[in-house]
Amino acid sequence: EVFIMLMVADFFALLTLSRLLKNEVNKFSRSRV
């Protein structure tokens, strides 16, 4: 159950970056175009 707790924590860590991920992907796509 401790390891389940740690995996859930990593999932939430990923969610917190969602806005920055979107911005970085969009910026990278524009630079490639």
All heavy atoms as atom14 arrays in JSON, in Angstrom:
{
  "sequence": "EVFIMLMVADFFALLTLSRLLKNEVNKFSRSRV",
  "atom14_mask": [
    [1, 1, 1, 1, 1, 1, 1, 1, 1, 0, 0, 0, 0, 0],
    [1, 1, 1, 1, 1, 1, 1, 0, 0, 0, 0, 0, 0, 0],
    [1, 1, 1, 1, 1, 1, 1, 1, 1, 1, 1, 0, 0, 0],
    [1, 1, 1, 1, 1, 1, 1, 1, 0, 0, 0, 0, 0, 0],
    [1, 1, 1, 1, 1, 1, 1, 1, 0, 0, 0, 0, 0, 0],
    [1, 1, 1, 1, 1, 1, 1, 1, 0, 0, 0, 0, 0, 0],
    [1, 1, 1, 1, 1, 1, 1, 1, 0, 0, 0, 0, 0, 0],
    [1, 1, 1, 1, 1, 1, 1, 0, 0, 0, 0, 0, 0, 0],
    [1, 1, 1, 1, 1, 0, 0, 0, 0, 0, 0, 0, 0, 0],
    [1, 1, 1, 1, 1, 1, 1, 1, 0, 0, 0, 0, 0, 0],
    [1, 1, 1, 1, 1, 1, 1, 1, 1, 1, 1, 0, 0, 0],
    [1, 1, 1, 1, 1, 1, 1, 1, 1, 1, 1, 0, 0, 0],
    [1, 1, 1, 1, 1, 0, 0, 0, 0, 0, 0, 0, 0, 0],
    [1, 1, 1, 1, 1, 1, 1, 1, 0, 0, 0, 0, 0, 0],
    [1, 1, 1, 1, 1, 1, 1, 1, 0, 0, 0, 0, 0, 0],
    [1, 1, 1, 1, 1, 1, 1, 0, 0, 0, 0, 0, 0, 0],
    [1, 1, 1, 1, 1, 1, 1, 1, 0, 0, 0, 0, 0, 0],
    [1, 1, 1, 1, 1, 1, 0, 0, 0, 0, 0, 0, 0, 0],
    [1, 1, 1, 1, 1, 1, 1, 1, 1, 1, 1, 0, 0, 0],
    [1, 1, 1, 1, 1, 1, 1, 1, 0, 0, 0, 0, 0, 0],
    [1, 1, 1, 1, 1, 1, 1, 1, 0, 0, 0, 0, 0, 0],
    [1, 1, 1, 1, 1, 1, 1, 1, 1, 0, 0, 0, 0, 0],
    [1, 1, 1, 1, 1, 1, 1, 1, 0, 0, 0, 0, 0, 0],
    [1, 1, 1, 1, 1, 1, 1, 1, 1, 0, 0, 0, 0, 0],
    [1, 1, 1, 1, 1, 1, 1, 0, 0, 0, 0, 0, 0, 0],
    [1, 1, 1, 1, 1, 1, 1, 1, 0, 0, 0, 0, 0, 0],
    [1, 1, 1, 1, 1, 1, 1, 1, 1, 0, 0, 0, 0, 0],
    [1, 1, 1, 1, 1, 1, 1, 1, 1, 1, 1, 0, 0, 0],
    [1, 1, 1, 1, 1, 1, 0, 0, 0, 0, 0, 0, 0, 0],
    [1, 1, 1, 1, 1, 1, 1, 1, 1, 1, 1, 0, 0, 0],
    [1, 1, 1, 1, 1, 1, 0, 0, 0, 0, 0, 0, 0, 0],
    [1, 1, 1, 1, 1, 1, 1, 1, 1, 1, 1, 0, 0, 0],
    [1, 1, 1, 1, 1, 1, 1, 0, 0, 0, 0, 0, 0, 0]
  ],
  "atom14_positions": [
    [[0.83, -1.21, 0.0], [0.0, 0.0, 0.0], [0.86, 1.26, 0.0], [0.46, 2.29, -0.54], [-0.94, -0.02, 1.21], [-2.0, -1.11, 1.11], [-2.81, -1.25, 2.39], [-2.37, -0.71, 3.43], [-3.86, -1.91, 2.35], [0.0, 0.0, 0.0], [0.0, 0.0, 0.0], [0.0, 0.0, 0.0], [0.0, 0.0, 0.0], [0.0, 0.0, 0.0]],
    [[2.05, 1.17, 0.59], [2.97, 2.31, 0.54], [3.36, 2.59, -0.91], [3.37, 3.75, -1.36], [4.23, 2.02, 1.38], [5.29, 3.11, 1.13], [3.89, 1.97, 2.86], [0.0, 0.0, 0.0], [0.0, 0.0, 0.0], [0.0, 0.0, 0.0], [0.0, 0.0, 0.0], [0.0, 0.0, 0.0], [0.0, 0.0, 0.0], [0.0, 0.0, 0.0]],
    [[3.66, 1.55, -1.68], [4.04, 1.74, -3.08], [2.87, 2.25, -3.92], [3.08, 3.03, -4.86], [4.61, 0.45, -3.66], [6.06, 0.24, -3.31], [6.42, -0.49, -2.2], [7.05, 0.81, -4.09], [7.75, -0.68, -1.86], [8.39, 0.62, -3.77], [8.75, -0.12, -2.65], [0.0, 0.0, 0.0], [0.0, 0.0, 0.0], [0.0, 0.0, 0.0]],
    [[1.67, 1.82, -3.6], [0.5, 2.38, -4.29], [0.41, 3.88, -4.03], [0.14, 4.68, -4.93], [-0.79, 1.66, -3.83], [-0.78, 0.21, -4.31], [-2.03, 2.4, -4.34], [-1.93, -0.62, -3.77], [0.0, 0.0, 0.0], [0.0, 0.0, 0.0], [0.0, 0.0, 0.0], [0.0, 0.0, 0.0], [0.0, 0.0, 0.0], [0.0, 0.0, 0.0]],
    [[0.63, 4.27, -2.79], [0.63, 5.7, -2.43], [1.67, 6.47, -3.25], [1.39, 7.57, -3.75], [0.93, 5.85, -0.93], [1.08, 7.28, -0.46], [1.71, 7.38, 1.24], [3.45, 7.01, 0.99], [0.0, 0.0, 0.0], [0.0, 0.0, 0.0], [0.0, 0.0, 0.0], [0.0, 0.0, 0.0], [0.0, 0.0, 0.0], [0.0, 0.0, 0.0]],
    [[2.86, 5.9, -3.43], [3.92, 6.57, -4.18], [3.56, 6.71, -5.66], [3.83, 7.74, -6.29], [5.23, 5.81, -4.02], [5.77, 5.67, -2.59], [7.09, 4.9, -2.59], [5.96, 7.04, -1.95], [0.0, 0.0, 0.0], [0.0, 0.0, 0.0], [0.0, 0.0, 0.0], [0.0, 0.0, 0.0], [0.0, 0.0, 0.0], [0.0, 0.0, 0.0]],
    [[2.94, 5.68, -6.23], [2.54, 5.75, -7.64], [1.43, 6.77, -7.86], [1.43, 7.5, -8.87], [2.11, 4.36, -8.12], [3.28, 3.39, -8.27], [2.82, 1.79, -8.95], [2.14, 0.98, -7.49], [0.0, 0.0, 0.0], [0.0, 0.0, 0.0], [0.0, 0.0, 0.0], [0.0, 0.0, 0.0], [0.0, 0.0, 0.0], [0.0, 0.0, 0.0]],
    [[0.52, 6.86, -6.92], [-0.53, 7.89, -7.0], [0.08, 9.28, -6.91], [-0.33, 10.21, -7.63], [-1.58, 7.67, -5.89], [-2.55, 8.86, -5.82], [-2.34, 6.38, -6.13], [0.0, 0.0, 0.0], [0.0, 0.0, 0.0], [0.0, 0.0, 0.0], [0.0, 0.0, 0.0], [0.0, 0.0, 0.0], [0.0, 0.0, 0.0], [0.0, 0.0, 0.0]],
    [[1.06, 9.46, -6.05], [1.74, 10.75, -5.93], [2.4, 11.15, -7.25], [2.34, 12.32, -7.66], [2.77, 10.7, -4.8], [0.0, 0.0, 0.0], [0.0, 0.0, 0.0], [0.0, 0.0, 0.0], [0.0, 0.0, 0.0], [0.0, 0.0, 0.0], [0.0, 0.0, 0.0], [0.0, 0.0, 0.0], [0.0, 0.0, 0.0], [0.0, 0.0, 0.0]],
    [[3.03, 10.2, -7.92], [3.64, 10.5, -9.22], [2.59, 10.9, -10.25], [2.83, 11.77, -11.1], [4.43, 9.29, -9.72], [5.89, 9.34, -9.32], [6.35, 10.43, -8.92], [6.57, 8.3, -9.38], [0.0, 0.0, 0.0], [0.0, 0.0, 0.0], [0.0, 0.0, 0.0], [0.0, 0.0, 0.0], [0.0, 0.0, 0.0], [0.0, 0.0, 0.0]],
    [[1.43, 10.26, -10.19], [0.35, 10.63, -11.12], [-0.09, 12.08, -10.91], [-0.27, 12.83, -11.87], [-0.84, 9.68, -10.92], [-2.05, 10.05, -11.73], [-2.08, 9.82, -13.09], [-3.14, 10.65, -11.13], [-3.19, 10.17, -13.85], [-4.26, 11.0, -11.87], [-4.29, 10.76, -13.23], [0.0, 0.0, 0.0], [0.0, 0.0, 0.0], [0.0, 0.0, 0.0]],
    [[-0.22, 12.48, -9.66], [-0.6, 13.87, -9.38], [0.52, 14.84, -9.76], [0.25, 15.97, -10.19], [-0.97, 14.03, -7.91], [-2.36, 13.56, -7.58], [-2.56, 12.43, -6.81], [-3.47, 14.24, -8.05], [-3.84, 11.98, -6.52], [-4.76, 13.82, -7.78], [-4.94, 12.67, -7.0], [0.0, 0.0, 0.0], [0.0, 0.0, 0.0], [0.0, 0.0, 0.0]],
    [[1.76, 14.42, -9.61], [2.88, 15.27, -10.05], [2.78, 15.55, -11.54], [3.04, 16.66, -12.0], [4.21, 14.58, -9.73], [0.0, 0.0, 0.0], [0.0, 0.0, 0.0], [0.0, 0.0, 0.0], [0.0, 0.0, 0.0], [0.0, 0.0, 0.0], [0.0, 0.0, 0.0], [0.0, 0.0, 0.0], [0.0, 0.0, 0.0], [0.0, 0.0, 0.0]],
    [[2.39, 14.53, -12.28], [2.21, 14.7, -13.73], [1.08, 15.67, -14.04], [1.2, 16.52, -14.93], [1.94, 13.33, -14.36], [1.83, 13.27, -15.87], [3.15, 13.68, -16.52], [1.43, 11.86, -16.31], [0.0, 0.0, 0.0], [0.0, 0.0, 0.0], [0.0, 0.0, 0.0], [0.0, 0.0, 0.0], [0.0, 0.0, 0.0], [0.0, 0.0, 0.0]],
    [[-0.01, 15.57, -13.31], [-1.16, 16.45, -13.55], [-0.8, 17.92, -13.33], [-1.28, 18.8, -14.04], [-2.33, 16.06, -12.65], [-3.07, 14.77, -12.97], [-4.23, 14.58, -12.0], [-3.6, 14.79, -14.41], [0.0, 0.0, 0.0], [0.0, 0.0, 0.0], [0.0, 0.0, 0.0], [0.0, 0.0, 0.0], [0.0, 0.0, 0.0], [0.0, 0.0, 0.0]],
    [[0.02, 18.2, -12.33], [0.35, 19.6, -12.03], [1.1, 20.28, -13.16], [1.11, 21.51, -13.24], [1.2, 19.69, -10.75], [2.44, 19.0, -10.94], [0.47, 19.09, -9.56], [0.0, 0.0, 0.0], [0.0, 0.0, 0.0], [0.0, 0.0, 0.0], [0.0, 0.0, 0.0], [0.0, 0.0, 0.0], [0.0, 0.0, 0.0], [0.0, 0.0, 0.0]],
    [[1.73, 19.49, -14.03], [2.51, 20.07, -15.13], [1.7, 20.21, -16.41], [2.24, 20.63, -17.44], [3.74, 19.21, -15.41], [4.81, 19.13, -14.32], [5.92, 18.17, -14.74], [5.39, 20.51, -14.03], [0.0, 0.0, 0.0], [0.0, 0.0, 0.0], [0.0, 0.0, 0.0], [0.0, 0.0, 0.0], [0.0, 0.0, 0.0], [0.0, 0.0, 0.0]],
    [[0.41, 19.88, -16.38], [-0.37, 19.81, -17.62], [-0.38, 21.12, -18.39], [-0.22, 21.14, -19.61], [-1.81, 19.36, -17.3], [-2.4, 20.23, -16.35], [0.0, 0.0, 0.0], [0.0, 0.0, 0.0], [0.0, 0.0, 0.0], [0.0, 0.0, 0.0], [0.0, 0.0, 0.0], [0.0, 0.0, 0.0], [0.0, 0.0, 0.0], [0.0, 0.0, 0.0]],
    [[-0.54, 22.26, -17.71], [-0.58, 23.55, -18.42], [0.78, 23.86, -19.04], [0.87, 24.32, -20.19], [-0.99, 24.68, -17.48], [-1.24, 26.01, -18.19], [-1.62, 27.1, -17.2], [-0.47, 27.51, -16.4], [0.41, 28.44, -16.8], [0.26, 29.04, -17.97], [1.4, 28.78, -16.01], [0.0, 0.0, 0.0], [0.0, 0.0, 0.0], [0.0, 0.0, 0.0]],
    [[1.85, 23.64, -18.28], [3.19, 23.9, -18.81], [3.52, 22.96, -19.95], [4.19, 23.36, -20.92], [4.23, 23.75, -17.7], [4.13, 24.74, -16.53], [5.24, 24.46, -15.52], [4.23, 26.18, -17.03], [0.0, 0.0, 0.0], [0.0, 0.0, 0.0], [0.0, 0.0, 0.0], [0.0, 0.0, 0.0], [0.0, 0.0, 0.0], [0.0, 0.0, 0.0]],
    [[3.06, 21.7, -19.87], [3.28, 20.76, -20.96], [2.62, 21.24, -22.24], [3.22, 21.2, -23.32], [2.74, 19.38, -20.57], [3.53, 18.58, -19.53], [2.76, 17.34, -19.11], [4.89, 18.18, -20.1], [0.0, 0.0, 0.0], [0.0, 0.0, 0.0], [0.0, 0.0, 0.0], [0.0, 0.0, 0.0], [0.0, 0.0, 0.0], [0.0, 0.0, 0.0]],
    [[1.39, 21.71, -22.11], [0.67, 22.21, -23.28], [1.4, 23.39, -23.9], [1.57, 23.47, -25.12], [-0.75, 22.61, -22.87], [-1.58, 23.16, -24.02], [-2.97, 23.55, -23.54], [-3.78, 24.15, -24.68], [-5.14, 24.58, -24.22], [0.0, 0.0, 0.0], [0.0, 0.0, 0.0], [0.0, 0.0, 0.0], [0.0, 0.0, 0.0], [0.0, 0.0, 0.0]],
    [[1.85, 24.31, -23.06], [2.56, 25.49, -23.57], [3.86, 25.11, -24.26], [4.21, 25.66, -25.32], [2.84, 26.48, -22.43], [1.58, 27.11, -21.88], [0.53, 27.09, -22.53], [1.65, 27.65, -20.67], [0.0, 0.0, 0.0], [0.0, 0.0, 0.0], [0.0, 0.0, 0.0], [0.0, 0.0, 0.0], [0.0, 0.0, 0.0], [0.0, 0.0, 0.0]],
    [[4.63, 24.18, -23.65], [5.89, 23.79, -24.25], [5.7, 23.05, -25.57], [6.45, 23.27, -26.53], [6.68, 22.9, -23.27], [7.34, 23.67, -22.14], [8.32, 22.84, -21.34], [8.42, 21.62, -21.6], [8.99, 23.41, -20.47], [0.0, 0.0, 0.0], [0.0, 0.0, 0.0], [0.0, 0.0, 0.0], [0.0, 0.0, 0.0], [0.0, 0.0, 0.0]],
    [[4.7, 22.18, -25.63], [4.44, 21.45, -26.88], [4.02, 22.41, -27.98], [4.49, 22.31, -29.13], [3.37, 20.37, -26.65], [2.92, 19.77, -27.98], [3.9, 19.28, -25.74], [0.0, 0.0, 0.0], [0.0, 0.0, 0.0], [0.0, 0.0, 0.0], [0.0, 0.0, 0.0], [0.0, 0.0, 0.0], [0.0, 0.0, 0.0], [0.0, 0.0, 0.0]],
    [[3.14, 23.36, -27.65], [2.71, 24.35, -28.65], [3.88, 25.2, -29.13], [4.02, 25.47, -30.32], [1.62, 25.24, -28.07], [0.31, 24.51, -27.87], [0.07, 23.46, -28.5], [-0.54, 25.02, -27.01], [0.0, 0.0, 0.0], [0.0, 0.0, 0.0], [0.0, 0.0, 0.0], [0.0, 0.0, 0.0], [0.0, 0.0, 0.0], [0.0, 0.0, 0.0]],
    [[4.72, 25.62, -28.19], [5.87, 26.44, -28.56], [6.84, 25.65, -29.43], [7.38, 26.17, -30.42], [6.58, 26.93, -27.29], [7.76, 27.85, -27.55], [8.38, 28.3, -26.23], [9.59, 29.2, -26.49], [10.21, 29.65, -25.2], [0.0, 0.0, 0.0], [0.0, 0.0, 0.0], [0.0, 0.0, 0.0], [0.0, 0.0, 0.0], [0.0, 0.0, 0.0]],
    [[7.07, 24.4, -29.08], [7.97, 23.55, -29.86], [7.42, 23.31, -31.26], [8.15, 23.36, -32.25], [8.16, 22.22, -29.14], [9.09, 21.27, -29.84], [10.46, 21.49, -29.83], [8.59, 20.16, -30.53], [11.33, 20.62, -30.48], [9.46, 19.29, -31.18], [10.82, 19.53, -31.15], [0.0, 0.0, 0.0], [0.0, 0.0, 0.0], [0.0, 0.0, 0.0]],
    [[6.1, 23.1, -31.36], [5.47, 22.87, -32.66], [5.58, 24.1, -33.54], [5.88, 24.01, -34.74], [3.99, 22.49, -32.48], [3.87, 21.3, -31.73], [0.0, 0.0, 0.0], [0.0, 0.0, 0.0], [0.0, 0.0, 0.0], [0.0, 0.0, 0.0], [0.0, 0.0, 0.0], [0.0, 0.0, 0.0], [0.0, 0.0, 0.0], [0.0, 0.0, 0.0]],
    [[5.36, 25.28, -32.95], [5.47, 26.52, -33.73], [6.89, 26.74, -34.22], [7.11, 27.18, -35.35], [5.01, 27.71, -32.89], [3.5, 27.76, -32.64], [3.09, 29.14, -32.13], [3.74, 29.46, -30.88], [3.24, 29.18, -29.68], [2.06, 28.56, -29.58], [3.87, 29.52, -28.58], [0.0, 0.0, 0.0], [0.0, 0.0, 0.0], [0.0, 0.0, 0.0]],
    [[7.87, 26.42, -33.37], [9.26, 26.62, -33.78], [9.64, 25.67, -34.91], [10.39, 26.04, -35.82], [10.19, 26.42, -32.57], [10.17, 25.09, -32.14], [0.0, 0.0, 0.0], [0.0, 0.0, 0.0], [0.0, 0.0, 0.0], [0.0, 0.0, 0.0], [0.0, 0.0, 0.0], [0.0, 0.0, 0.0], [0.0, 0.0, 0.0], [0.0, 0.0, 0.0]],
    [[9.11, 24.44, -34.89], [9.41, 23.5, -35.96], [8.78, 23.95, -37.27], [9.41, 23.88, -38.32], [8.88, 22.11, -35.58], [9.59, 21.46, -34.41], [11.03, 21.13, -34.75], [11.13, 20.18, -35.84], [11.13, 18.84, -35.65], [11.06, 18.34, -34.43], [11.23, 18.03, -36.68], [0.0, 0.0, 0.0], [0.0, 0.0, 0.0], [0.0, 0.0, 0.0]],
    [[7.52, 24.43, -37.2], [6.83, 24.91, -38.39], [7.58, 26.11, -38.97], [7.8, 26.21, -40.18], [5.37, 25.28, -38.08], [4.73, 25.99, -39.28], [4.59, 24.02, -37.72], [0.0, 0.0, 0.0], [0.0, 0.0, 0.0], [0.0, 0.0, 0.0], [0.0, 0.0, 0.0], [0.0, 0.0, 0.0], [0.0, 0.0, 0.0], [0.0, 0.0, 0.0]]
  ]
}
